[in-house]
Each structure stands twice: as C-alpha cells, then as structure tokens.
Amino acid sequence: MKLFQSIIHQMKDSVDRVIGVIDDGGTIIACSQLTKIGESHKAALEEIAYSFDSVVYDGYTYKPIGTHSHIEYIAFAEGTDKAAFSTVSLVAIALANIKTLYDEKYDKTSFIKKIIQDNILPGDIYIKSKELRFDNDINRVVFLVHFINRGEAVPFDIIQNMFPDKNKDYVLSVGESDIVLVKELKNTPAARISEVSEGIAKSIVDTAQTEFLTSVVVGIGTVVSNIKDLARSYKDAQIAISVGSIFEPEKTTVNYESLGIGRLIYQLPATLCEMFLQEVFKRGSLEALDRETLVTIQAFFDNNLNVSETSRKLFVHRNTLVYRLEKIKKLTGLDLREFEHAITFKVALMVQKYVQSRPQSY
C-alpha cells in the first residue's frame, strides 16, 4: 500500500533500524529498506496468527494490526530488544490510525454505514458515491441480523464469511449483537425480489443455527433502487424485528413488507390504543375471557371463520363451538361469525399485544 510506504519513509530518519509492514499473506508491502519489499515472512505470520500478540522471530519484532478474528497487516522492526518492541508498537499505532482515516474517506463500507445511520448530508451522498465510483441505481435491500445468544461465535465474522464479496455486499457491525447486511439484488426480477430476500434471510438463520449453534432473528427492510434510500430500508428492517417480536415472536425472519396491520398498530400512541380497547370491549374486559375461549377464537381466525373446519381442528362438536361463540358474543357484544365483528376483534387482540409489550411508566 502506497500510503503505508509513505508513512514508513517519513519515519525512516527518526528510527535507527529497519521497519516495515507485512500483508495478510506474509509479504512485505512497505519497508524503510526498499530492497526488502516483496520478501516473504510467512513463518512470522504463522507465529502471529497463533498468539495474536507481539512476537520475536528471526531477529525481528512483529506486532499485528487488525482484530483477533482477522489480521489485516503486521508491523515489524529490526531487533529483539525493548527498543525494537517500543518502535514496532509506535509503527503499528501510526499505521492503524492512518488506515482508519483512509477507510473513513475512501472505503465503501464506511460510506454505507454513514448513510444508514444518517451521518451524512443528502447532497454529500451523491458527491461521495461518484468519488467512490459507486453504482447508484441498483436494487439493494438491508437485512438486520439480531443475535439472540452469541455463545463463542463472532457475529460479524459469521455474516462476512457468508457474503465475502465486498464489492457487492456490505457487512456492518451496528452493536454487540446486531449486524447489518446490505445485499445487492442486481439481476433479480422484480416479481421475485421478496422471495429471494426471504430466502437469503432464511439461509442466515439456518447457517447460524447449524454451524454456530446460535439463534438469530433477521429483519428484512424494503428494497430500494437508490443508495440514498438505504437509511429507510435499515429503519424498516429495525421496525420489522420490533413488530415481529410483538405479534409473531416465534418467527425468525420478518419482512417489513409483510407486516400488514401490525405495522400500523406499532405506530399508534399507547393512549389511543387503550381508548380503542375500552370502546371495543364496553360490555366486558378482554381479560375476562379464559384460555379455552382465547384458543377457540384463534382457531376460528386461523380457519377463516369456518365453523365446521374449526370444530374439526379443535376436536369438538359443532354445537359446542357455536355455544362458545355465543358465550363470546354475550361477554363482548361481538359476534365472530360476522366478518366486521371478527375484524374488529382480531385488531383488538393485536392492539392488546402491542399495549402489553410497551414498558409501563409510573
């Protein structure tokens, strides 16, 4: 890297020994002694990979640059004494800092992260995307992967290894347990985008469970065709996970575009929801319904308000089911056999779930 060589050259006159940088393949890519550039130090790389700490090997002191899961570069200094250790530490700090600054300015992943977190002005997005030669008008979708129990697994590494093409797909860490994947859907027909997106989300869930024994929930944002809209797709993926945890907690993949009425309820103020529940259940509280009655109601909805099919699934006589429905009508004033009443009751159940999920204020 030319940037590293420039830094090493500037430090050359202040250091009385050979210093340089090795890439993740073990090759010297920058050095104060130019003739050494291109030499292989794979043996030192193996020593570093084993301990991920400063090591002394064959007359040099080495220090890794990167993370424990992925060593990006290794700084080295001639000698094995304390001065060599101090020198290589300073070189590693300088190179790590300059790399961070370079990535922030030129790295596409850093650019994407600024967009989804609203840390860049809309006007600057267009300018920066041209500077980075970013293909602006391609269908992309944001996946938010929430790790429930990480164990020994490293969330970022799991997703990065599944989607290694850094020119098309971007993996970002947005928290200890949350990873964002911005996936390109360049050649996917519009009619299949939703199907493909859900397939990708399912593959993430399956890989995390089978290979790493960890549980995840994946929120799928809306598909966007312009890079500036990635922030919206990310927010939609966040909403998908939040809404899914309330209304369909058993699901491991939640698509924002499939949230239906739950998405609307989620955006309502709690006070408005409580007023709605009071108006719907004027004659009796929802809490007055026992567990058997609630199971009957859910089965009735699941079987499209079909009395015969519901009684068959519940293993009860048709007359028994009709009796239960009449009981519900007396308690609530709503006859679930009438479509409008059933819709009202279904929405009320969802509203109650939403109200109960919100933290209580005292």
Protein backbone atom coordinates (compact mmCIF):
# COMPACT_ATOMS: atom_id res chain seq x y z
CA MET A 1 0.00 0.00 0.00
CA LYS A 2 1.45 3.35 -1.08
CA LEU A 3 0.02 5.07 1.96
CA PHE A 4 1.95 2.76 4.30
CA GLN A 5 5.17 3.23 2.35
CA SER A 6 4.78 7.00 2.63
CA ILE A 7 4.42 6.77 6.44
CA ILE A 8 7.36 4.36 6.75
CA HIS A 9 9.51 6.66 4.60
CA GLN A 10 8.67 9.64 6.84
CA MET A 11 9.59 7.64 9.97
CA LYS A 12 12.81 6.28 8.46
CA ASP A 13 15.11 9.11 9.57
CA SER A 14 13.73 9.01 13.13
CA VAL A 15 14.34 5.29 13.61
CA ASP A 16 17.80 3.72 13.68
CA ARG A 17 16.63 0.32 12.43
CA VAL A 18 14.68 -1.32 9.57
CA ILE A 19 10.89 -1.03 9.91
CA GLY A 20 8.10 -2.16 7.65
CA VAL A 21 4.70 -3.78 7.06
CA ILE A 22 3.64 -7.29 6.03
CA ASP A 23 0.24 -8.05 4.45
CA ASP A 24 -2.07 -10.90 5.47
CA GLY A 25 -0.27 -13.19 3.02
CA GLY A 26 3.10 -12.75 4.71
CA THR A 27 4.66 -10.46 2.07
CA ILE A 28 6.45 -7.19 2.88
CA ILE A 29 4.48 -4.39 1.18
CA ALA A 30 6.25 -1.37 2.72
CA CYS A 31 9.72 -1.04 4.23
CA SER A 32 12.33 1.54 5.12
CA GLN A 33 14.82 -0.62 3.21
CA LEU A 34 13.25 -0.71 -0.26
CA THR A 35 15.12 -3.85 -1.40
CA LYS A 36 13.18 -5.90 1.15
CA ILE A 37 9.76 -5.09 -0.37
CA GLY A 38 8.32 -8.31 -1.79
CA GLU A 39 10.15 -10.63 0.61
CA SER A 40 8.09 -13.34 2.33
CA HIS A 41 7.78 -13.56 6.12
CA LYS A 42 5.13 -16.31 6.25
CA ALA A 43 6.76 -18.02 9.22
CA ALA A 44 6.36 -14.84 11.28
CA LEU A 45 2.75 -14.57 10.09
CA GLU A 46 2.02 -18.06 11.41
CA GLU A 47 3.53 -17.18 14.78
CA ILE A 48 1.36 -14.05 14.99
CA ALA A 49 -1.79 -15.90 13.90
CA TYR A 50 -1.30 -18.42 16.69
CA SER A 51 -0.92 -15.90 19.53
CA PHE A 52 -2.25 -12.61 18.12
CA ASP A 53 0.32 -10.71 20.10
CA SER A 54 3.73 -9.18 19.60
CA VAL A 55 6.26 -11.88 18.75
CA VAL A 56 10.02 -12.05 18.26
CA TYR A 57 11.15 -14.14 15.33
CA ASP A 58 14.40 -14.47 13.36
CA GLY A 59 15.88 -11.16 14.53
CA TYR A 60 12.72 -9.05 14.17
CA THR A 61 9.88 -7.97 16.44
CA TYR A 62 6.36 -8.17 14.95
CA LYS A 63 3.03 -6.64 16.02
CA PRO A 64 -0.37 -7.38 14.38
CA ILE A 65 -2.76 -4.71 13.05
CA GLY A 66 -6.43 -5.70 12.96
CA THR A 67 -8.71 -7.88 15.08
CA HIS A 68 -8.19 -11.27 16.63
CA SER A 69 -10.51 -12.80 14.02
CA HIS A 70 -8.80 -11.11 11.09
CA ILE A 71 -5.21 -9.86 10.99
CA GLU A 72 -5.03 -7.28 8.20
CA TYR A 73 -1.36 -6.25 8.43
CA ILE A 74 1.71 -6.83 10.61
CA ALA A 75 4.21 -4.12 11.54
CA PHE A 76 7.80 -5.16 12.15
CA ALA A 77 11.03 -3.63 13.43
CA GLU A 78 14.57 -4.92 13.28
CA GLY A 79 15.87 -6.23 16.61
CA THR A 80 14.55 -8.17 19.58
CA ASP A 81 15.24 -5.75 22.44
CA LYS A 82 12.92 -3.40 24.31
CA ALA A 83 13.69 -0.60 21.86
CA ALA A 84 12.52 -2.82 19.00
CA PHE A 85 9.29 -3.54 20.88
CA SER A 86 8.68 0.18 21.51
CA THR A 87 9.45 1.03 17.89
CA VAL A 88 7.16 -1.61 16.39
CA SER A 89 4.35 -0.58 18.77
CA LEU A 90 4.59 3.03 17.60
CA VAL A 91 4.69 1.94 13.96
CA ALA A 92 1.59 -0.26 14.45
CA ILE A 93 -0.33 2.58 16.14
CA ALA A 94 0.58 5.06 13.41
CA LEU A 95 -0.38 2.66 10.61
CA ALA A 96 -3.63 1.60 12.28
CA ASN A 97 -4.68 5.23 12.71
CA ILE A 98 -3.83 6.22 9.16
CA LYS A 99 -5.68 3.16 7.85
CA THR A 100 -8.78 4.15 9.84
CA LEU A 101 -8.67 7.67 8.41
CA TYR A 102 -8.16 6.30 4.91
CA ASP A 103 -11.08 3.87 5.27
CA GLU A 104 -13.37 6.62 6.52
CA LYS A 105 -12.56 8.71 3.48
CA TYR A 106 -12.39 6.08 0.75
CA ASP A 107 -13.92 2.83 1.98
CA LYS A 108 -17.36 2.00 0.57
CA THR A 109 -18.39 0.13 3.71
CA SER A 110 -17.77 3.20 5.88
CA PHE A 111 -19.75 5.24 3.35
CA ILE A 112 -22.69 2.81 3.55
CA LYS A 113 -22.59 2.92 7.36
CA LYS A 114 -22.80 6.70 7.36
CA ILE A 115 -25.82 6.53 5.06
CA ILE A 116 -27.84 4.03 7.09
CA GLN A 117 -27.09 5.88 10.33
CA ASP A 118 -27.97 9.28 8.83
CA ASN A 119 -24.45 10.63 9.43
CA ILE A 120 -24.06 12.22 6.00
CA LEU A 121 -25.93 15.04 4.30
CA PRO A 122 -28.17 14.01 1.37
CA GLY A 123 -26.24 16.29 -1.00
CA ASP A 124 -22.94 14.71 0.01
CA ILE A 125 -24.21 11.20 -0.75
CA TYR A 126 -24.32 11.86 -4.48
CA ILE A 127 -20.86 13.50 -4.50
CA LYS A 128 -19.29 10.74 -2.41
CA SER A 129 -20.87 7.94 -4.45
CA LYS A 130 -19.33 9.40 -7.62
CA GLU A 131 -15.96 9.75 -5.90
CA LEU A 132 -16.09 6.08 -4.85
CA ARG A 133 -17.45 5.04 -8.26
CA PHE A 134 -20.44 3.58 -6.53
CA ASP A 135 -23.18 2.11 -8.74
CA ASN A 136 -26.03 4.24 -7.51
CA ASP A 137 -29.07 2.74 -9.23
CA ILE A 138 -29.10 -0.95 -8.32
CA ASN A 139 -31.76 -2.72 -6.27
CA ARG A 140 -30.47 -3.34 -2.75
CA VAL A 141 -32.05 -4.48 0.48
CA VAL A 142 -30.92 -4.10 4.09
CA PHE A 143 -31.00 -7.11 6.42
CA LEU A 144 -30.67 -6.56 10.16
CA VAL A 145 -29.39 -9.70 11.89
CA HIS A 146 -30.01 -9.74 15.63
CA PHE A 147 -28.03 -12.43 17.51
CA ILE A 148 -30.04 -13.70 20.49
CA ASN A 149 -27.41 -15.98 22.03
CA ARG A 150 -23.96 -15.46 20.57
CA GLY A 151 -22.01 -18.02 22.57
CA GLU A 152 -18.42 -18.14 21.32
CA ALA A 153 -19.37 -17.04 17.82
CA VAL A 154 -18.34 -13.66 16.42
CA PRO A 155 -21.46 -12.21 14.72
CA PHE A 156 -19.57 -10.05 12.21
CA ASP A 157 -17.38 -12.93 11.06
CA ILE A 158 -20.37 -15.25 10.57
CA ILE A 159 -22.13 -12.85 8.20
CA GLN A 160 -18.94 -11.67 6.48
CA ASN A 161 -17.96 -15.27 5.71
CA MET A 162 -21.39 -15.92 4.21
CA PHE A 163 -21.18 -12.83 1.98
CA PRO A 164 -17.47 -12.33 1.20
CA ASP A 165 -17.85 -10.23 -1.99
CA LYS A 166 -17.02 -6.78 -0.60
CA ASN A 167 -17.61 -5.14 -3.98
CA LYS A 168 -21.30 -6.05 -4.00
CA ASP A 169 -22.38 -6.81 -0.43
CA TYR A 170 -21.56 -4.77 2.66
CA VAL A 171 -21.44 -6.15 6.21
CA LEU A 172 -21.51 -3.66 9.10
CA SER A 173 -21.44 -4.04 12.85
CA VAL A 174 -24.00 -1.73 14.49
CA GLY A 175 -23.89 -3.17 18.01
CA GLU A 176 -22.61 -6.07 20.08
CA SER A 177 -25.39 -8.35 18.84
CA ASP A 178 -26.56 -6.60 15.65
CA ILE A 179 -25.09 -6.93 12.17
CA VAL A 180 -26.31 -5.18 9.03
CA LEU A 181 -26.04 -6.77 5.60
CA VAL A 182 -26.62 -4.52 2.58
CA LYS A 183 -27.27 -7.01 -0.23
CA GLU A 184 -27.21 -6.26 -3.94
CA LEU A 185 -30.08 -7.72 -5.97
CA LYS A 186 -28.84 -6.57 -9.37
CA ASN A 187 -30.19 -9.31 -11.62
CA THR A 188 -33.22 -10.32 -9.59
CA PRO A 189 -36.58 -9.87 -11.40
CA ALA A 190 -38.95 -7.52 -9.57
CA ALA A 191 -41.53 -10.29 -9.16
CA ARG A 192 -39.03 -12.48 -7.28
CA ILE A 193 -37.34 -9.87 -5.06
CA SER A 194 -39.43 -10.64 -1.99
CA GLU A 195 -38.95 -14.40 -2.43
CA VAL A 196 -35.18 -14.03 -2.91
CA SER A 197 -34.86 -11.69 0.09
CA GLU A 198 -36.68 -14.11 2.36
CA GLY A 199 -34.52 -16.96 1.03
CA ILE A 200 -31.36 -15.03 1.96
CA ALA A 201 -32.73 -14.31 5.45
CA LYS A 202 -33.60 -17.98 5.95
CA SER A 203 -30.11 -19.06 4.88
CA ILE A 204 -28.61 -16.72 7.51
CA VAL A 205 -30.84 -18.22 10.22
CA ASP A 206 -30.06 -21.80 9.16
CA THR A 207 -26.29 -21.21 8.95
CA ALA A 208 -26.19 -19.54 12.38
CA GLN A 209 -28.14 -22.41 13.94
CA THR A 210 -26.48 -25.40 12.26
CA GLU A 211 -22.86 -24.26 12.01
CA PHE A 212 -22.51 -21.93 15.01
CA LEU A 213 -25.30 -23.13 17.34
CA THR A 214 -26.56 -19.60 17.81
CA SER A 215 -30.06 -18.17 17.36
CA VAL A 216 -30.77 -15.10 15.26
CA VAL A 217 -33.73 -13.06 14.07
CA VAL A 218 -33.46 -11.38 10.68
CA GLY A 219 -35.40 -8.24 9.80
CA ILE A 220 -35.79 -7.56 6.07
CA GLY A 221 -36.08 -3.92 5.00
CA THR A 222 -37.73 -2.57 1.88
CA VAL A 223 -35.97 -2.94 -1.46
CA VAL A 224 -34.54 0.39 -2.65
CA SER A 225 -33.08 1.34 -6.01
CA ASN A 226 -31.19 4.43 -4.92
CA ILE A 227 -28.32 4.42 -2.45
CA LYS A 228 -29.68 7.40 -0.51
CA ASP A 229 -32.73 5.32 0.45
CA LEU A 230 -30.67 2.70 2.29
CA ALA A 231 -31.32 4.59 5.55
CA ARG A 232 -35.04 3.98 5.07
CA SER A 233 -34.50 0.29 4.31
CA TYR A 234 -32.43 -0.02 7.50
CA LYS A 235 -35.14 1.65 9.62
CA ASP A 236 -37.72 -0.66 8.06
CA ALA A 237 -35.59 -3.69 8.97
CA GLN A 238 -35.44 -2.41 12.58
CA ILE A 239 -39.22 -1.97 12.63
CA ALA A 240 -39.67 -5.47 11.17
CA ILE A 241 -37.79 -7.04 14.10
CA SER A 242 -39.62 -4.90 16.67
CA VAL A 243 -43.10 -5.57 15.24
CA GLY A 244 -42.32 -9.25 14.71
CA SER A 245 -41.26 -9.66 18.34
CA ILE A 246 -44.71 -8.41 19.42
CA PHE A 247 -47.11 -10.08 17.00
CA GLU A 248 -45.15 -13.11 15.75
CA PRO A 249 -42.41 -13.83 18.31
CA GLU A 250 -41.93 -17.38 17.00
CA LYS A 251 -40.74 -16.16 13.59
CA THR A 252 -37.02 -15.97 12.84
CA THR A 253 -37.33 -13.94 9.64
CA VAL A 254 -39.61 -10.91 9.40
CA ASN A 255 -40.18 -8.96 6.19
CA TYR A 256 -41.21 -5.32 6.63
CA GLU A 257 -43.39 -5.52 3.52
CA SER A 258 -45.35 -8.44 5.03
CA LEU A 259 -46.10 -6.90 8.42
CA GLY A 260 -49.62 -5.88 7.43
CA ILE A 261 -51.79 -4.24 10.06
CA GLY A 262 -49.21 -4.86 12.79
CA ARG A 263 -47.05 -2.17 11.22
CA LEU A 264 -49.88 0.37 11.54
CA ILE A 265 -50.66 -0.55 15.15
CA TYR A 266 -46.96 -0.24 16.07
CA GLN A 267 -47.02 3.43 15.06
CA LEU A 268 -50.04 4.34 17.19
CA PRO A 269 -49.72 6.10 20.57
CA ALA A 270 -50.41 3.82 23.55
CA THR A 271 -53.15 6.13 24.84
CA LEU A 272 -55.05 5.86 21.55
CA CYS A 273 -54.74 2.07 21.67
CA GLU A 274 -56.10 1.92 25.21
CA MET A 275 -59.06 4.12 24.20
CA PHE A 276 -59.77 1.78 21.30
CA LEU A 277 -59.77 -1.28 23.60
CA GLN A 278 -62.15 0.44 26.02
CA GLU A 279 -64.54 1.32 23.18
CA VAL A 280 -64.49 -2.16 21.66
CA PHE A 281 -64.99 -4.00 24.94
CA LYS A 282 -67.53 -1.75 26.60
CA ARG A 283 -69.51 -4.73 27.88
CA GLY A 284 -66.61 -6.69 29.28
CA SER A 285 -62.86 -6.77 29.52
CA LEU A 286 -60.73 -8.90 27.23
CA GLU A 287 -59.11 -10.30 30.36
CA ALA A 288 -62.48 -11.88 31.27
CA LEU A 289 -62.01 -14.46 28.50
CA ASP A 290 -60.47 -17.70 29.73
CA ARG A 291 -57.66 -19.58 27.98
CA GLU A 292 -60.02 -22.10 26.33
CA THR A 293 -62.06 -19.27 24.84
CA LEU A 294 -58.95 -17.49 23.52
CA VAL A 295 -57.73 -20.73 21.91
CA THR A 296 -61.13 -21.13 20.29
CA ILE A 297 -61.01 -17.57 18.95
CA GLN A 298 -57.52 -18.04 17.48
CA ALA A 299 -58.54 -21.34 15.85
CA PHE A 300 -61.65 -19.68 14.39
CA PHE A 301 -59.48 -16.96 12.83
CA ASP A 302 -56.90 -19.48 11.59
CA ASN A 303 -59.67 -21.38 9.77
CA ASN A 304 -61.14 -18.31 8.06
CA LEU A 305 -64.25 -18.11 10.30
CA ASN A 306 -65.37 -21.56 9.14
CA VAL A 307 -67.37 -23.22 11.95
CA SER A 308 -67.18 -26.77 10.57
CA GLU A 309 -63.44 -26.66 9.90
CA THR A 310 -62.69 -25.05 13.26
CA SER A 311 -64.69 -27.62 15.22
CA ARG A 312 -62.86 -30.40 13.34
CA LYS A 313 -59.44 -28.92 14.13
CA LEU A 314 -60.36 -28.42 17.80
CA PHE A 315 -61.88 -31.93 18.04
CA VAL A 316 -65.14 -30.55 19.42
CA HIS A 317 -68.73 -30.90 18.26
CA ARG A 318 -70.05 -28.14 16.02
CA ASN A 319 -72.72 -27.25 18.60
CA THR A 320 -70.01 -26.90 21.26
CA LEU A 321 -68.18 -24.40 19.10
CA VAL A 322 -71.39 -22.48 18.40
CA TYR A 323 -72.04 -22.36 22.16
CA ARG A 324 -68.57 -20.91 22.77
CA LEU A 325 -69.07 -18.28 20.06
CA GLU A 326 -72.40 -17.30 21.65
CA LYS A 327 -70.64 -17.00 25.00
CA ILE A 328 -68.08 -14.64 23.44
CA LYS A 329 -70.92 -12.59 21.95
CA LYS A 330 -72.59 -12.22 25.36
CA LEU A 331 -69.31 -11.20 27.03
CA THR A 332 -68.09 -8.74 24.42
CA GLY A 333 -71.05 -7.89 22.21
CA LEU A 334 -69.11 -9.11 19.16
CA ASP A 335 -70.35 -11.99 17.02
CA LEU A 336 -67.25 -13.51 15.43
CA ARG A 337 -69.35 -15.16 12.74
CA GLU A 338 -69.94 -11.70 11.29
CA PHE A 339 -66.98 -10.50 9.24
CA GLU A 340 -66.92 -6.91 10.53
CA HIS A 341 -67.12 -8.05 14.16
CA ALA A 342 -64.37 -10.61 13.55
CA ILE A 343 -62.09 -7.97 12.02
CA THR A 344 -62.69 -5.65 14.99
CA PHE A 345 -61.92 -8.44 17.46
CA LYS A 346 -58.77 -9.51 15.56
CA VAL A 347 -57.44 -5.95 15.55
CA ALA A 348 -58.30 -5.57 19.24
CA LEU A 349 -56.27 -8.68 20.11
CA MET A 350 -53.28 -7.25 18.24
CA VAL A 351 -53.69 -3.85 19.89
CA GLN A 352 -53.75 -5.53 23.30
CA LYS A 353 -50.49 -7.37 22.49
CA TYR A 354 -48.91 -4.08 21.47
CA VAL A 355 -50.05 -2.28 24.64
CA GLN A 356 -48.78 -5.13 26.84
CA SER A 357 -45.41 -5.11 25.07
CA ARG A 358 -44.74 -1.47 25.87
CA PRO A 359 -42.79 -0.61 29.05
CA GLN A 360 -45.04 0.63 31.81
CA SER A 361 -44.49 4.21 33.00
CA TYR A 362 -45.03 5.03 36.62
